[in-house]
Amino acid sequence: ADINVQDLSDPREIIRKCKESWSKGYPFCVVSS
């Protein structure tokens, strides 16, 4: 499959995405291949 292979995300981006999800009232899930 032609997909984007990506190394581990920057921890600051994980924290930012978590807060963004919480601001909408949603649980936040991190997933790794």
PDB file of all heavy atoms in Angstrom:
ATOM      1  N   ALA A   1       0.834  -1.199   0.000  1.00  0.00           N
ATOM      2  CA  ALA A   1       0.000   0.000   0.000  1.00  0.00           C
ATOM      3  C   ALA A   1       0.873   1.254   0.000  1.00  0.00           C
ATOM      4  O   ALA A   1       1.938   1.289   0.624  1.00  0.00           O
ATOM      5  CB  ALA A   1      -0.912   0.002   1.215  1.00  0.00           C
ATOM      6  N   ASP A   2       0.409   2.254  -0.696  1.00  0.00           N
ATOM      7  CA  ASP A   2       1.137   3.519  -0.787  1.00  0.00           C
ATOM      8  C   ASP A   2       0.671   4.430   0.339  1.00  0.00           C
ATOM      9  O   ASP A   2      -0.283   5.190   0.206  1.00  0.00           O
ATOM     10  CB  ASP A   2       0.874   4.173  -2.145  1.00  0.00           C
ATOM     11  CG  ASP A   2       1.663   5.474  -2.321  1.00  0.00           C
ATOM     12  OD1 ASP A   2       2.627   5.687  -1.553  1.00  0.00           O
ATOM     13  OD2 ASP A   2       1.299   6.262  -3.206  1.00  0.00           O
ATOM     14  N   ILE A   3       1.341   4.332   1.490  1.00  0.00           N
ATOM     15  CA  ILE A   3       0.989   5.170   2.633  1.00  0.00           C
ATOM     16  C   ILE A   3       2.233   5.889   3.130  1.00  0.00           C
ATOM     17  O   ILE A   3       3.367   5.537   2.778  1.00  0.00           O
ATOM     18  CB  ILE A   3       0.381   4.355   3.798  1.00  0.00           C
ATOM     19  CG1 ILE A   3       1.426   3.376   4.374  1.00  0.00           C
ATOM     20  CG2 ILE A   3      -0.870   3.620   3.367  1.00  0.00           C
ATOM     21  CD1 ILE A   3       1.072   2.858   5.732  1.00  0.00           C
ATOM     22  N   ASN A   4       2.002   6.887   3.952  1.00  0.00           N
ATOM     23  CA  ASN A   4       3.090   7.660   4.524  1.00  0.00           C
ATOM     24  C   ASN A   4       3.687   6.920   5.717  1.00  0.00           C
ATOM     25  O   ASN A   4       3.013   6.691   6.723  1.00  0.00           O
ATOM     26  CB  ASN A   4       2.569   9.033   4.966  1.00  0.00           C
ATOM     27  CG  ASN A   4       3.668   9.890   5.581  1.00  0.00           C
ATOM     28  OD1 ASN A   4       4.802   9.869   5.113  1.00  0.00           O
ATOM     29  ND2 ASN A   4       3.333  10.632   6.618  1.00  0.00           N
ATOM     30  N   VAL A   5       4.955   6.513   5.600  1.00  0.00           N
ATOM     31  CA  VAL A   5       5.646   5.872   6.722  1.00  0.00           C
ATOM     32  C   VAL A   5       6.218   6.980   7.599  1.00  0.00           C
ATOM     33  O   VAL A   5       6.967   7.835   7.131  1.00  0.00           O
ATOM     34  CB  VAL A   5       6.765   4.938   6.234  1.00  0.00           C
ATOM     35  CG1 VAL A   5       7.518   4.341   7.414  1.00  0.00           C
ATOM     36  CG2 VAL A   5       6.185   3.834   5.355  1.00  0.00           C
ATOM     37  N   GLN A   6       5.851   6.947   8.867  1.00  0.00           N
ATOM     38  CA  GLN A   6       6.196   8.044   9.774  1.00  0.00           C
ATOM     39  C   GLN A   6       6.807   7.506  11.055  1.00  0.00           C
ATOM     40  O   GLN A   6       6.276   6.578  11.674  1.00  0.00           O
ATOM     41  CB  GLN A   6       4.924   8.838  10.099  1.00  0.00           C
ATOM     42  CG  GLN A   6       5.064   9.856  11.213  1.00  0.00           C
ATOM     43  CD  GLN A   6       3.708  10.320  11.717  1.00  0.00           C
ATOM     44  OE1 GLN A   6       2.861  10.760  10.938  1.00  0.00           O
ATOM     45  NE2 GLN A   6       3.486  10.215  13.014  1.00  0.00           N
ATOM     46  N   ASP A   7       7.939   8.078  11.453  1.00  0.00           N
ATOM     47  CA  ASP A   7       8.530   7.731  12.737  1.00  0.00           C
ATOM     48  C   ASP A   7       7.683   8.310  13.869  1.00  0.00           C
ATOM     49  O   ASP A   7       6.714   9.031  13.629  1.00  0.00           O
ATOM     50  CB  ASP A   7       9.959   8.285  12.822  1.00  0.00           C
ATOM     51  CG  ASP A   7      10.909   7.541  11.894  1.00  0.00           C
ATOM     52  OD1 ASP A   7      10.646   6.360  11.609  1.00  0.00           O
ATOM     53  OD2 ASP A   7      11.900   8.150  11.444  1.00  0.00           O
ATOM     54  N   LEU A   8       8.078   8.015  15.094  1.00  0.00           N
ATOM     55  CA  LEU A   8       7.304   8.439  16.260  1.00  0.00           C
ATOM     56  C   LEU A   8       7.093   9.949  16.269  1.00  0.00           C
ATOM     57  O   LEU A   8       8.019  10.731  16.040  1.00  0.00           O
ATOM     58  CB  LEU A   8       8.021   8.015  17.537  1.00  0.00           C
ATOM     59  CG  LEU A   8       7.234   8.196  18.834  1.00  0.00           C
ATOM     60  CD1 LEU A   8       6.046   7.239  18.879  1.00  0.00           C
ATOM     61  CD2 LEU A   8       8.151   7.991  20.038  1.00  0.00           C
ATOM     62  N   SER A   9       5.856  10.350  16.545  1.00  0.00           N
ATOM     63  CA  SER A   9       5.510  11.772  16.588  1.00  0.00           C
ATOM     64  C   SER A   9       6.255  12.487  17.703  1.00  0.00           C
ATOM     65  O   SER A   9       6.629  11.896  18.729  1.00  0.00           O
ATOM     66  CB  SER A   9       4.007  11.940  16.806  1.00  0.00           C
ATOM     67  OG  SER A   9       3.271  11.386  15.754  1.00  0.00           O
ATOM     68  N   ASP A  10       6.449  13.779  17.514  1.00  0.00           N
ATOM     69  CA  ASP A  10       7.041  14.628  18.545  1.00  0.00           C
ATOM     70  C   ASP A  10       6.123  14.634  19.770  1.00  0.00           C
ATOM     71  O   ASP A  10       4.911  14.815  19.632  1.00  0.00           O
ATOM     72  CB  ASP A  10       7.185  16.059  17.996  1.00  0.00           C
ATOM     73  CG  ASP A  10       7.977  16.960  18.926  1.00  0.00           C
ATOM     74  OD1 ASP A  10       7.578  17.102  20.101  1.00  0.00           O
ATOM     75  OD2 ASP A  10       8.979  17.536  18.471  1.00  0.00           O
ATOM     76  N   PRO A  11       6.674  14.436  20.964  1.00  0.00           N
ATOM     77  CA  PRO A  11       5.839  14.432  22.175  1.00  0.00           C
ATOM     78  C   PRO A  11       5.002  15.697  22.329  1.00  0.00           C
ATOM     79  O   PRO A  11       3.865  15.635  22.820  1.00  0.00           O
ATOM     80  CB  PRO A  11       6.867  14.314  23.308  1.00  0.00           C
ATOM     81  CG  PRO A  11       8.064  13.691  22.688  1.00  0.00           C
ATOM     82  CD  PRO A  11       8.088  14.164  21.273  1.00  0.00           C
ATOM     83  N   ARG A  12       5.533  16.845  21.895  1.00  0.00           N
ATOM     84  CA  ARG A  12       4.766  18.089  22.001  1.00  0.00           C
ATOM     85  C   ARG A  12       3.516  18.039  21.128  1.00  0.00           C
ATOM     86  O   ARG A  12       2.478  18.612  21.484  1.00  0.00           O
ATOM     87  CB  ARG A  12       5.647  19.274  21.607  1.00  0.00           C
ATOM     88  CG  ARG A  12       6.792  19.548  22.578  1.00  0.00           C
ATOM     89  CD  ARG A  12       7.779  20.541  22.013  1.00  0.00           C
ATOM     90  NE  ARG A  12       8.451  20.007  20.816  1.00  0.00           N
ATOM     91  CZ  ARG A  12       9.402  20.660  20.155  1.00  0.00           C
ATOM     92  NH1 ARG A  12       9.790  21.863  20.554  1.00  0.00           N
ATOM     93  NH2 ARG A  12       9.967  20.105  19.096  1.00  0.00           N
ATOM     94  N   GLU A  13       3.597  17.345  19.986  1.00  0.00           N
ATOM     95  CA  GLU A  13       2.435  17.216  19.116  1.00  0.00           C
ATOM     96  C   GLU A  13       1.392  16.281  19.732  1.00  0.00           C
ATOM     97  O   GLU A  13       0.185  16.515  19.600  1.00  0.00           O
ATOM     98  CB  GLU A  13       2.876  16.693  17.746  1.00  0.00           C
ATOM     99  CG  GLU A  13       1.775  16.613  16.703  1.00  0.00           C
ATOM    100  CD  GLU A  13       1.199  17.962  16.314  1.00  0.00           C
ATOM    101  OE1 GLU A  13       1.725  19.017  16.736  1.00  0.00           O
ATOM    102  OE2 GLU A  13       0.185  17.958  15.575  1.00  0.00           O
ATOM    103  N   ILE A  14       1.853  15.242  20.416  1.00  0.00           N
ATOM    104  CA  ILE A  14       0.928  14.346  21.108  1.00  0.00           C
ATOM    105  C   ILE A  14       0.156  15.119  22.177  1.00  0.00           C
ATOM    106  O   ILE A  14      -1.074  15.016  22.278  1.00  0.00           O
ATOM    107  CB  ILE A  14       1.684  13.162  21.744  1.00  0.00           C
ATOM    108  CG1 ILE A  14       2.318  12.292  20.657  1.00  0.00           C
ATOM    109  CG2 ILE A  14       0.761  12.333  22.629  1.00  0.00           C
ATOM    110  CD1 ILE A  14       3.204  11.170  21.185  1.00  0.00           C
ATOM    111  N   ILE A  15       0.872  15.916  22.947  1.00  0.00           N
ATOM    112  CA  ILE A  15       0.229  16.710  24.005  1.00  0.00           C
ATOM    113  C   ILE A  15      -0.748  17.718  23.409  1.00  0.00           C
ATOM    114  O   ILE A  15      -1.868  17.892  23.904  1.00  0.00           O
ATOM    115  CB  ILE A  15       1.297  17.420  24.867  1.00  0.00           C
ATOM    116  CG1 ILE A  15       2.154  16.378  25.605  1.00  0.00           C
ATOM    117  CG2 ILE A  15       0.656  18.394  25.849  1.00  0.00           C
ATOM    118  CD1 ILE A  15       3.402  16.942  26.251  1.00  0.00           C
ATOM    119  N   ARG A  16      -0.366  18.351  22.316  1.00  0.00           N
ATOM    120  CA  ARG A  16      -1.234  19.348  21.674  1.00  0.00           C
ATOM    121  C   ARG A  16      -2.515  18.700  21.163  1.00  0.00           C
ATOM    122  O   ARG A  16      -3.620  19.211  21.362  1.00  0.00           O
ATOM    123  CB  ARG A  16      -0.503  20.038  20.519  1.00  0.00           C
ATOM    124  CG  ARG A  16      -1.293  21.195  19.899  1.00  0.00           C
ATOM    125  CD  ARG A  16      -0.609  21.731  18.651  1.00  0.00           C
ATOM    126  NE  ARG A  16      -0.713  20.815  17.514  1.00  0.00           N
ATOM    127  CZ  ARG A  16      -1.812  20.702  16.759  1.00  0.00           C
ATOM    128  NH1 ARG A  16      -2.898  21.409  17.034  1.00  0.00           N
ATOM    129  NH2 ARG A  16      -1.829  19.851  15.742  1.00  0.00           N
ATOM    130  N   LYS A  17      -2.366  17.555  20.513  1.00  0.00           N
ATOM    131  CA  LYS A  17      -3.528  16.863  19.969  1.00  0.00           C
ATOM    132  C   LYS A  17      -4.459  16.369  21.085  1.00  0.00           C
ATOM    133  O   LYS A  17      -5.693  16.387  20.939  1.00  0.00           O
ATOM    134  CB  LYS A  17      -3.078  15.673  19.119  1.00  0.00           C
ATOM    135  CG  LYS A  17      -2.460  16.054  17.783  1.00  0.00           C
ATOM    136  CD  LYS A  17      -3.542  16.444  16.788  1.00  0.00           C
ATOM    137  CE  LYS A  17      -2.987  16.570  15.384  1.00  0.00           C
ATOM    138  NZ  LYS A  17      -4.049  16.928  14.409  1.00  0.00           N
ATOM    139  N   CYS A  18      -3.859  15.946  22.185  1.00  0.00           N
ATOM    140  CA  CYS A  18      -4.652  15.498  23.321  1.00  0.00           C
ATOM    141  C   CYS A  18      -5.511  16.646  23.857  1.00  0.00           C
ATOM    142  O   CYS A  18      -6.720  16.502  24.063  1.00  0.00           O
ATOM    143  CB  CYS A  18      -3.739  14.945  24.414  1.00  0.00           C
ATOM    144  SG  CYS A  18      -4.624  14.359  25.878  1.00  0.00           S
ATOM    145  N   LYS A  19      -4.896  17.781  24.078  1.00  0.00           N
ATOM    146  CA  LYS A  19      -5.641  18.931  24.607  1.00  0.00           C
ATOM    147  C   LYS A  19      -6.716  19.388  23.632  1.00  0.00           C
ATOM    148  O   LYS A  19      -7.813  19.799  24.040  1.00  0.00           O
ATOM    149  CB  LYS A  19      -4.664  20.065  24.920  1.00  0.00           C
ATOM    150  CG  LYS A  19      -3.743  19.753  26.101  1.00  0.00           C
ATOM    151  CD  LYS A  19      -2.780  20.905  26.373  1.00  0.00           C
ATOM    152  CE  LYS A  19      -1.910  20.604  27.588  1.00  0.00           C
ATOM    153  NZ  LYS A  19      -0.932  21.688  27.862  1.00  0.00           N
ATOM    154  N   GLU A  20      -6.419  19.318  22.344  1.00  0.00           N
ATOM    155  CA  GLU A  20      -7.398  19.707  21.326  1.00  0.00           C
ATOM    156  C   GLU A  20      -8.614  18.785  21.370  1.00  0.00           C
ATOM    157  O   GLU A  20      -9.765  19.243  21.267  1.00  0.00           O
ATOM    158  CB  GLU A  20      -6.741  19.647  19.949  1.00  0.00           C
ATOM    159  CG  GLU A  20      -7.640  20.029  18.795  1.00  0.00           C
ATOM    160  CD  GLU A  20      -6.930  19.895  17.458  1.00  0.00           C
ATOM    161  OE1 GLU A  20      -5.848  20.496  17.293  1.00  0.00           O
ATOM    162  OE2 GLU A  20      -7.452  19.167  16.583  1.00  0.00           O
ATOM    163  N   SER A  21      -8.376  17.486  21.525  1.00  0.00           N
ATOM    164  CA  SER A  21      -9.472  16.527  21.597  1.00  0.00           C
ATOM    165  C   SER A  21     -10.305  16.757  22.856  1.00  0.00           C
ATOM    166  O   SER A  21     -11.544  16.762  22.810  1.00  0.00           O
ATOM    167  CB  SER A  21      -8.911  15.102  21.582  1.00  0.00           C
ATOM    168  OG  SER A  21      -9.936  14.145  21.627  1.00  0.00           O
ATOM    169  N   TRP A  22      -9.628  16.952  23.975  1.00  0.00           N
ATOM    170  CA  TRP A  22     -10.336  17.187  25.234  1.00  0.00           C
ATOM    171  C   TRP A  22     -11.185  18.458  25.188  1.00  0.00           C
ATOM    172  O   TRP A  22     -12.246  18.517  25.797  1.00  0.00           O
ATOM    173  CB  TRP A  22      -9.338  17.284  26.370  1.00  0.00           C
ATOM    174  CG  TRP A  22      -8.769  15.967  26.797  1.00  0.00           C
ATOM    175  CD1 TRP A  22      -9.086  14.727  26.323  1.00  0.00           C
ATOM    176  CD2 TRP A  22      -7.757  15.763  27.779  1.00  0.00           C
ATOM    177  NE1 TRP A  22      -8.331  13.766  26.955  1.00  0.00           N
ATOM    178  CE2 TRP A  22      -7.519  14.372  27.844  1.00  0.00           C
ATOM    179  CE3 TRP A  22      -7.028  16.616  28.613  1.00  0.00           C
ATOM    180  CZ2 TRP A  22      -6.586  13.823  28.726  1.00  0.00           C
ATOM    181  CZ3 TRP A  22      -6.100  16.076  29.482  1.00  0.00           C
ATOM    182  CH2 TRP A  22      -5.886  14.688  29.537  1.00  0.00           C
ATOM    183  N   SER A  23     -10.705  19.457  24.471  1.00  0.00           N
ATOM    184  CA  SER A  23     -11.453  20.716  24.398  1.00  0.00           C
ATOM    185  C   SER A  23     -12.819  20.520  23.740  1.00  0.00           C
ATOM    186  O   SER A  23     -13.734  21.314  23.947  1.00  0.00           O
ATOM    187  CB  SER A  23     -10.643  21.776  23.626  1.00  0.00           C
ATOM    188  OG  SER A  23     -10.606  21.482  22.237  1.00  0.00           O
ATOM    189  N   LYS A  24     -12.952  19.458  22.951  1.00  0.00           N
ATOM    190  CA  LYS A  24     -14.228  19.139  22.294  1.00  0.00           C
ATOM    191  C   LYS A  24     -15.029  18.102  23.074  1.00  0.00           C
ATOM    192  O   LYS A  24     -16.120  17.700  22.660  1.00  0.00           O
ATOM    193  CB  LYS A  24     -13.972  18.627  20.874  1.00  0.00           C
ATOM    194  CG  LYS A  24     -13.290  19.650  19.959  1.00  0.00           C
ATOM    195  CD  LYS A  24     -13.055  19.084  18.580  1.00  0.00           C
ATOM    196  CE  LYS A  24     -12.346  20.082  17.675  1.00  0.00           C
ATOM    197  NZ  LYS A  24     -13.164  21.280  17.428  1.00  0.00           N
ATOM    198  N   GLY A  25     -14.486  17.672  24.207  1.00  0.00           N
ATOM    199  CA  GLY A  25     -15.176  16.685  25.025  1.00  0.00           C
ATOM    200  C   GLY A  25     -14.981  15.252  24.578  1.00  0.00           C
ATOM    201  O   GLY A  25     -15.760  14.365  24.932  1.00  0.00           O
ATOM    202  N   TYR A  26     -13.907  15.000  23.800  1.00  0.00           N
ATOM    203  CA  TYR A  26     -13.674  13.657  23.269  1.00  0.00           C
ATOM    204  C   TYR A  26     -12.507  12.977  23.984  1.00  0.00           C
ATOM    205  O   TYR A  26     -11.475  13.611  24.243  1.00  0.00           O
ATOM    206  CB  TYR A  26     -13.320  13.710  21.782  1.00  0.00           C
ATOM    207  CG  TYR A  26     -14.357  14.311  20.885  1.00  0.00           C
ATOM    208  CD1 TYR A  26     -13.991  14.883  19.676  1.00  0.00           C
ATOM    209  CD2 TYR A  26     -15.704  14.312  21.229  1.00  0.00           C
ATOM    210  CE1 TYR A  26     -14.936  15.440  18.826  1.00  0.00           C
ATOM    211  CE2 TYR A  26     -16.654  14.864  20.397  1.00  0.00           C
ATOM    212  CZ  TYR A  26     -16.266  15.429  19.189  1.00  0.00           C
ATOM    213  OH  TYR A  26     -17.198  15.975  18.360  1.00  0.00           O
ATOM    214  N   PRO A  27     -12.615  11.673  24.269  1.00  0.00           N
ATOM    215  CA  PRO A  27     -11.436  10.919  24.675  1.00  0.00           C
ATOM    216  C   PRO A  27     -10.394  10.948  23.553  1.00  0.00           C
ATOM    217  O   PRO A  27     -10.741  11.065  22.370  1.00  0.00           O
ATOM    218  CB  PRO A  27     -11.969   9.501  24.885  1.00  0.00           C
ATOM    219  CG  PRO A  27     -13.429   9.684  25.157  1.00  0.00           C
ATOM    220  CD  PRO A  27     -13.837  10.855  24.317  1.00  0.00           C
ATOM    221  N   PHE A  28      -9.137  10.814  23.930  1.00  0.00           N
ATOM    222  CA  PHE A  28      -8.016  10.899  22.979  1.00  0.00           C
ATOM    223  C   PHE A  28      -7.241   9.593  23.023  1.00  0.00           C
ATOM    224  O   PHE A  28      -6.855   9.128  24.102  1.00  0.00           O
ATOM    225  CB  PHE A  28      -7.105  12.070  23.364  1.00  0.00           C
ATOM    226  CG  PHE A  28      -5.829  12.144  22.579  1.00  0.00           C
ATOM    227  CD1 PHE A  28      -5.828  12.547  21.258  1.00  0.00           C
ATOM    228  CD2 PHE A  28      -4.606  11.831  23.177  1.00  0.00           C
ATOM    229  CE1 PHE A  28      -4.646  12.631  20.535  1.00  0.00           C
ATOM    230  CE2 PHE A  28      -3.412  11.921  22.462  1.00  0.00           C
ATOM    231  CZ  PHE A  28      -3.443  12.321  21.138  1.00  0.00           C
ATOM    232  N   CYS A  29      -7.011   8.990  21.847  1.00  0.00           N
ATOM    233  CA  CYS A  29      -6.331   7.700  21.775  1.00  0.00           C
ATOM    234  C   CYS A  29      -5.087   7.787  20.898  1.00  0.00           C
ATOM    235  O   CYS A  29      -5.170   8.228  19.750  1.00  0.00           O
ATOM    236  CB  CYS A  29      -7.279   6.644  21.212  1.00  0.00           C
ATOM    237  SG  CYS A  29      -6.566   4.974  21.163  1.00  0.00           S
ATOM    238  N   VAL A  30      -3.938   7.353  21.440  1.00  0.00           N
ATOM    239  CA  VAL A  30      -2.714   7.254  20.643  1.00  0.00           C
ATOM    240  C   VAL A  30      -2.596   5.834  20.110  1.00  0.00           C
ATOM    241  O   VAL A  30      -2.824   4.857  20.823  1.00  0.00           O
ATOM    242  CB  VAL A  30      -1.451   7.621  21.462  1.00  0.00           C
ATOM    243  CG1 VAL A  30      -1.449   9.095  21.802  1.00  0.00           C
ATOM    244  CG2 VAL A  30      -1.339   6.782  22.735  1.00  0.00           C
ATOM    245  N   VAL A  31      -2.244   5.731  18.826  1.00  0.00           N
ATOM    246  CA  VAL A  31      -2.158   4.429  18.151  1.00  0.00           C
ATOM    247  C   VAL A  31      -0.830   4.353  17.416  1.00  0.00           C
ATOM    248  O   VAL A  31      -0.428   5.315  16.748  1.00  0.00           O
ATOM    249  CB  VAL A  31      -3.308   4.244  17.149  1.00  0.00           C
ATOM    250  CG1 VAL A  31      -3.278   2.836  16.553  1.00  0.00           C
ATOM    251  CG2 VAL A  31      -4.653   4.525  17.802  1.00  0.00           C
ATOM    252  N   SER A  32      -0.139   3.216  17.518  1.00  0.00           N
ATOM    253  CA  SER A  32       1.122   3.045  16.789  1.00  0.00           C
ATOM    254  C   SER A  32       1.081   1.769  15.968  1.00  0.00           C
ATOM    255  O   SER A  32       0.402   0.803  16.323  1.00  0.00           O
ATOM    256  CB  SER A  32       2.307   2.985  17.759  1.00  0.00           C
ATOM    257  OG  SER A  32       2.243   1.809  18.549  1.00  0.00           O
ATOM    258  N   SER A  33       1.806   1.762  14.862  1.00  0.00           N
ATOM    259  CA  SER A  33       1.917   0.554  14.047  1.00  0.00           C
ATOM    260  C   SER A  33       2.981  -0.354  14.647  1.00  0.00           C
ATOM    261  O   SER A  33       3.788   0.049  15.479  1.00  0.00           O
ATOM    262  CB  SER A  33       2.283   0.928  12.609  1.00  0.00           C
ATOM    263  OG  SER A  33       3.592   1.468  12.562  1.00  0.00           O
TER     264      SER A  33
END
